[in-house]
Protein backbone atom coordinates (compact mmCIF):
# COMPACT_ATOMS: atom_id res chain seq x y z
CA UNK A 1 -24.43 -167.55 -80.32
CA UNK A 2 -27.66 -165.52 -80.47
CA UNK A 3 -26.95 -161.82 -80.42
CA UNK A 4 -30.47 -160.48 -80.04
CA UNK A 5 -33.90 -161.89 -79.55
CA UNK A 6 -35.37 -163.69 -82.52
CA UNK A 7 -38.49 -162.51 -84.27
CA UNK A 8 -37.38 -158.91 -84.72
CA UNK A 9 -39.40 -157.12 -87.36
CA UNK A 10 -37.46 -155.39 -90.11
CA UNK A 11 -38.20 -151.69 -90.44
CA UNK A 12 -37.02 -148.78 -92.51
CA UNK A 13 -35.46 -146.19 -90.27
CA UNK A 14 -34.19 -142.66 -90.84
CA UNK A 15 -30.54 -142.02 -90.12
CA UNK A 16 -30.05 -141.33 -86.40
CA UNK A 17 -29.23 -137.83 -85.21
CA UNK A 18 -25.40 -137.62 -84.84
CA UNK A 19 -25.99 -135.60 -81.66
CA UNK A 20 -28.43 -138.08 -80.14
CA UNK A 21 -27.64 -139.10 -76.53
CA UNK A 22 -25.98 -142.47 -75.99
CA UNK A 23 -29.01 -143.89 -74.21
CA UNK A 24 -31.25 -143.14 -77.21
CA UNK A 25 -28.78 -144.75 -79.60
CA UNK A 26 -28.55 -147.78 -77.33
CA UNK A 27 -32.32 -148.22 -77.38
CA UNK A 28 -32.39 -147.91 -81.17
CA UNK A 29 -29.53 -150.40 -81.42
CA UNK A 30 -31.41 -152.85 -79.20
CA UNK A 31 -34.20 -152.67 -81.76
CA UNK A 32 -31.81 -153.60 -84.55
CA UNK A 33 -30.99 -150.15 -85.93
CA UNK A 34 -27.63 -150.60 -87.64
CA UNK A 35 -27.15 -146.87 -88.17
CA UNK A 36 -27.55 -146.12 -84.47
CA UNK A 37 -25.23 -148.98 -83.51
CA UNK A 38 -22.58 -147.86 -85.97
CA UNK A 39 -22.79 -144.31 -84.62
CA UNK A 40 -22.30 -145.60 -81.07
CA UNK A 41 -19.26 -147.58 -82.17
CA UNK A 42 -17.73 -144.58 -83.92
CA UNK A 43 -18.34 -142.50 -80.80
CA UNK A 44 -16.72 -144.94 -78.35
CA UNK A 45 -14.31 -147.12 -80.37
CA UNK A 46 -11.24 -145.12 -79.43
CA UNK A 47 -12.04 -145.13 -75.71
CA UNK A 48 -12.64 -148.89 -75.76
CA UNK A 49 -9.53 -149.60 -77.81
CA UNK A 50 -7.39 -147.54 -75.46
CA UNK A 51 -8.81 -149.44 -72.49
CA UNK A 52 -8.20 -152.84 -74.08
CA UNK A 53 -4.75 -151.80 -75.30
CA UNK A 54 -3.79 -150.65 -71.80
CA UNK A 55 -4.59 -154.09 -70.41
CA UNK A 56 -3.37 -156.31 -73.25
CA UNK A 57 -0.43 -154.26 -74.63
CA UNK A 58 -1.10 -155.67 -78.10
CA UNK A 59 -2.93 -153.88 -80.92
CA UNK A 60 -4.40 -156.98 -82.58
CA UNK A 61 -5.57 -158.51 -79.29
CA UNK A 62 -7.07 -155.18 -78.27
CA UNK A 63 -9.03 -154.91 -81.52
CA UNK A 64 -10.44 -158.40 -81.02
CA UNK A 65 -11.37 -157.55 -77.44
CA UNK A 66 -13.21 -154.44 -78.64
CA UNK A 67 -15.18 -156.49 -81.17
CA UNK A 68 -16.22 -159.03 -78.53
CA UNK A 69 -17.12 -156.22 -76.13
CA UNK A 70 -19.40 -154.61 -78.68
CA UNK A 71 -21.12 -157.91 -79.35
CA UNK A 72 -21.67 -158.36 -75.61
CA UNK A 73 -22.95 -154.79 -75.34
CA UNK A 74 -25.35 -155.34 -78.21
CA UNK A 75 -26.85 -158.25 -76.29
CA UNK A 76 -27.17 -156.13 -73.17
CA UNK A 77 -28.60 -152.90 -74.57
CA UNK A 78 -32.17 -153.98 -73.87
CA UNK A 79 -31.34 -154.45 -70.17
CA UNK A 80 -29.27 -151.26 -69.80
CA UNK A 81 -31.21 -149.00 -67.42
CA UNK A 82 -29.04 -145.90 -67.55
CA UNK A 83 -28.00 -146.04 -63.90
CA UNK A 84 -24.49 -145.08 -65.06
CA UNK A 85 -23.16 -143.47 -68.21
CA UNK A 86 -23.17 -145.79 -71.20
CA UNK A 87 -19.47 -145.09 -71.75
CA UNK A 88 -18.67 -146.32 -68.24
CA UNK A 89 -20.73 -149.45 -68.83
CA UNK A 90 -18.94 -150.10 -72.14
CA UNK A 91 -15.49 -149.60 -70.60
CA UNK A 92 -16.37 -152.11 -67.89
CA UNK A 93 -17.35 -154.66 -70.54
CA UNK A 94 -14.16 -154.24 -72.58
CA UNK A 95 -12.01 -154.27 -69.44
CA UNK A 96 -13.54 -157.58 -68.35
CA UNK A 97 -13.09 -159.04 -71.83
CA UNK A 98 -9.46 -157.91 -71.93
CA UNK A 99 -8.68 -159.26 -68.48
CA UNK A 100 -10.23 -162.58 -69.45
CA UNK A 101 -8.07 -162.75 -72.56
CA UNK A 102 -4.96 -162.00 -70.56
CA UNK A 103 -5.76 -164.72 -68.05
CA UNK A 104 -6.44 -167.27 -70.79
CA UNK A 105 -3.17 -166.36 -72.50
CA UNK A 106 -1.30 -167.08 -69.29
CA UNK A 107 -2.83 -170.60 -69.25
CA UNK A 108 -3.33 -170.64 -65.54
CA UNK A 109 -0.21 -168.67 -64.63
CA UNK A 110 -0.57 -166.08 -61.88
CA UNK A 111 -2.04 -162.85 -63.16
CA UNK A 112 -2.07 -159.62 -61.17
CA UNK A 113 -5.71 -158.50 -61.23
CA UNK A 114 -6.70 -154.89 -61.66
CA UNK A 115 -7.81 -154.71 -58.02
CA UNK A 116 -4.35 -155.43 -56.54
CA UNK A 117 -3.03 -152.37 -54.69
CA UNK A 118 0.73 -153.08 -54.71
CA UNK A 119 1.85 -154.63 -58.02
CA UNK A 120 5.51 -155.21 -58.76
CA UNK A 121 7.28 -152.10 -59.91
CA UNK A 122 8.76 -152.13 -63.43
CA UNK A 123 12.44 -152.72 -64.03
CA UNK A 124 14.67 -149.77 -64.83
CA UNK A 125 13.99 -148.30 -68.24
CA UNK A 126 17.13 -147.63 -70.27
CA UNK A 127 15.40 -146.05 -73.25
CA UNK A 128 17.54 -143.13 -74.46
CA UNK A 129 16.39 -139.60 -73.76
CA UNK A 130 14.86 -138.42 -77.03
CA UNK A 131 13.98 -134.90 -75.96
CA UNK A 132 13.13 -133.13 -79.21
CA UNK A 133 15.20 -130.13 -80.28
CA UNK A 134 14.48 -127.59 -82.94
CA UNK A 135 12.86 -130.07 -85.36
CA UNK A 136 11.88 -128.62 -88.76
CA UNK A 137 8.61 -130.57 -88.81
CA UNK A 138 6.50 -130.07 -85.70
CA UNK A 139 4.01 -132.72 -86.74
CA UNK A 140 6.73 -135.35 -87.08
CA UNK A 141 8.07 -134.34 -83.68
CA UNK A 142 4.67 -134.84 -82.07
CA UNK A 143 4.34 -138.22 -83.75
CA UNK A 144 7.71 -139.31 -82.42
CA UNK A 145 6.82 -138.13 -78.93
CA UNK A 146 3.48 -139.91 -79.11
CA UNK A 147 5.21 -143.20 -79.86
CA UNK A 148 7.58 -142.58 -76.97
CA UNK A 149 4.62 -141.93 -74.68
CA UNK A 150 2.98 -145.18 -75.82
CA UNK A 151 6.12 -147.20 -75.14
CA UNK A 152 6.45 -145.74 -71.65
CA UNK A 153 2.78 -146.35 -70.83
CA UNK A 154 3.26 -149.98 -71.90
CA UNK A 155 5.98 -150.32 -69.26
CA UNK A 156 3.79 -149.22 -66.38
CA UNK A 157 2.66 -151.96 -63.95
CA UNK A 158 -0.55 -153.67 -65.05
CA UNK A 159 -2.73 -152.15 -62.33
CA UNK A 160 -1.45 -148.62 -62.99
CA UNK A 161 -1.67 -148.74 -66.78
CA UNK A 162 -5.46 -149.00 -67.18
CA UNK A 163 -6.07 -146.30 -64.59
CA UNK A 164 -3.60 -143.95 -66.28
CA UNK A 165 -5.11 -144.44 -69.74
CA UNK A 166 -8.66 -143.81 -68.56
CA UNK A 167 -7.74 -140.79 -66.40
CA UNK A 168 -5.04 -139.07 -68.48
CA UNK A 169 -5.68 -140.17 -72.06
CA UNK A 170 -9.48 -140.50 -72.00
CA UNK A 171 -9.90 -137.82 -69.30
CA UNK A 172 -12.48 -139.85 -67.38
CA UNK A 173 -13.24 -138.66 -63.87
CA UNK A 174 -12.12 -140.50 -60.76
CA UNK A 175 -15.69 -141.64 -60.19
CA UNK A 176 -16.10 -142.90 -63.78
CA UNK A 177 -12.76 -144.73 -63.71
CA UNK A 178 -13.55 -146.39 -60.41
CA UNK A 179 -16.94 -147.54 -61.69
CA UNK A 180 -15.50 -148.78 -64.98
CA UNK A 181 -12.71 -150.80 -63.38
CA UNK A 182 -14.59 -151.85 -60.26
CA UNK A 183 -12.08 -150.41 -57.79
CA UNK A 184 -12.38 -147.79 -55.00
CA UNK A 185 -12.00 -144.12 -55.89
CA UNK A 186 -9.10 -143.81 -53.43
CA UNK A 187 -7.28 -146.58 -55.32
CA UNK A 188 -7.81 -144.73 -58.60
CA UNK A 189 -6.26 -141.58 -57.13
CA UNK A 190 -3.28 -143.44 -55.70
CA UNK A 191 -2.50 -145.38 -58.86
CA UNK A 192 -2.89 -142.35 -61.10
CA UNK A 193 -0.50 -140.33 -58.92
CA UNK A 194 2.10 -143.12 -58.92
CA UNK A 195 1.74 -143.73 -62.66
CA UNK A 196 2.33 -140.06 -63.44
CA UNK A 197 5.38 -140.08 -61.20
CA UNK A 198 6.89 -143.04 -63.03
CA UNK A 199 6.31 -141.47 -66.41
CA UNK A 200 7.64 -138.08 -65.43
CA UNK A 201 10.93 -139.62 -64.38
CA UNK A 202 11.68 -140.28 -68.06
CA UNK A 203 9.41 -137.91 -69.96
CA UNK A 204 9.59 -134.73 -67.87
CA UNK A 205 7.70 -131.81 -69.40
CA UNK A 206 6.78 -133.58 -72.67
CA UNK A 207 4.20 -135.88 -71.07
CA UNK A 208 1.44 -133.28 -70.79
CA UNK A 209 1.99 -132.16 -74.40
CA UNK A 210 1.99 -135.52 -76.17
CA UNK A 211 -0.25 -137.83 -74.14
CA UNK A 212 -3.51 -136.59 -75.67
CA UNK A 213 -2.71 -138.31 -78.98
CA UNK A 214 -1.59 -141.70 -77.64
CA UNK A 215 -3.06 -144.87 -79.17
CA UNK A 216 -5.12 -143.21 -81.89
CA UNK A 217 -7.97 -145.35 -83.15
CA UNK A 218 -9.80 -143.34 -85.75
CA UNK A 219 -10.59 -143.43 -89.46
CA UNK A 220 -10.02 -146.74 -91.23
CA UNK A 221 -9.24 -148.70 -88.06
CA UNK A 222 -12.42 -147.46 -86.40
CA UNK A 223 -14.43 -148.36 -89.52
CA UNK A 224 -12.87 -151.83 -89.63
CA UNK A 225 -14.10 -152.60 -86.12
CA UNK A 226 -17.57 -151.27 -86.91
CA UNK A 227 -17.81 -153.20 -90.19
CA UNK A 228 -16.62 -156.43 -88.58
CA UNK A 229 -19.16 -156.22 -85.76
CA UNK A 230 -22.03 -155.46 -88.15
CA UNK A 231 -20.96 -158.36 -90.40
CA UNK A 232 -20.90 -160.76 -87.46
CA UNK A 233 -24.44 -159.74 -86.54
CA UNK A 234 -25.55 -160.81 -90.00
CA UNK A 235 -29.17 -160.12 -90.79
CA UNK A 236 -30.15 -159.35 -87.24
CA UNK A 237 -29.99 -155.59 -87.72
CA UNK A 238 -31.59 -153.24 -90.23
CA UNK A 239 -29.95 -150.44 -92.17
């Protein structure tokens, strides 16, 4: 499928300012600036992966959803007017892509959409209490707790999970989360409150310490997404 308008003139561009606003990078990307587009991807890959992962609960599927979302965003940069933050716009794209993948995977089975207010509650979780003691390696302890946090987030109801990841892990505001997911702000507040209650039942005090590192998507994994998207665009961007 065509990613950008044909007839783009190749040009030699200086490397974009790493501190450049998102809107400026989006405009440069729309003009075919690979450096600006790669910088945008590095800046937002983790947020988009966490969003997709919250909906799909599968790392590989989430990575594919992020790639497709970036390709869709690349097509839409020229029309982006800046009425909302670019990050909110991107999260909305990846959320829609992820929801579409989940529906297709169900092959017509009933899927609880993100806008449902009263999803089924999860079954009782019998995961053992792994409250860390006096571990000799604090870093290993945090890693273990992070994996525990991830497993518990995965067990949240579908409608709660995406809200929790955007609010608690990505620290998006109520307004941003509502705009990104297309739900009322009151619904965001309710689901976030209920999600935290479910997690605290099993995680207690550790939740606020470990949640900030959940679902890391940096370094090589971030570069792999960026490289794959650039490769799929072929010669339609310039270095």
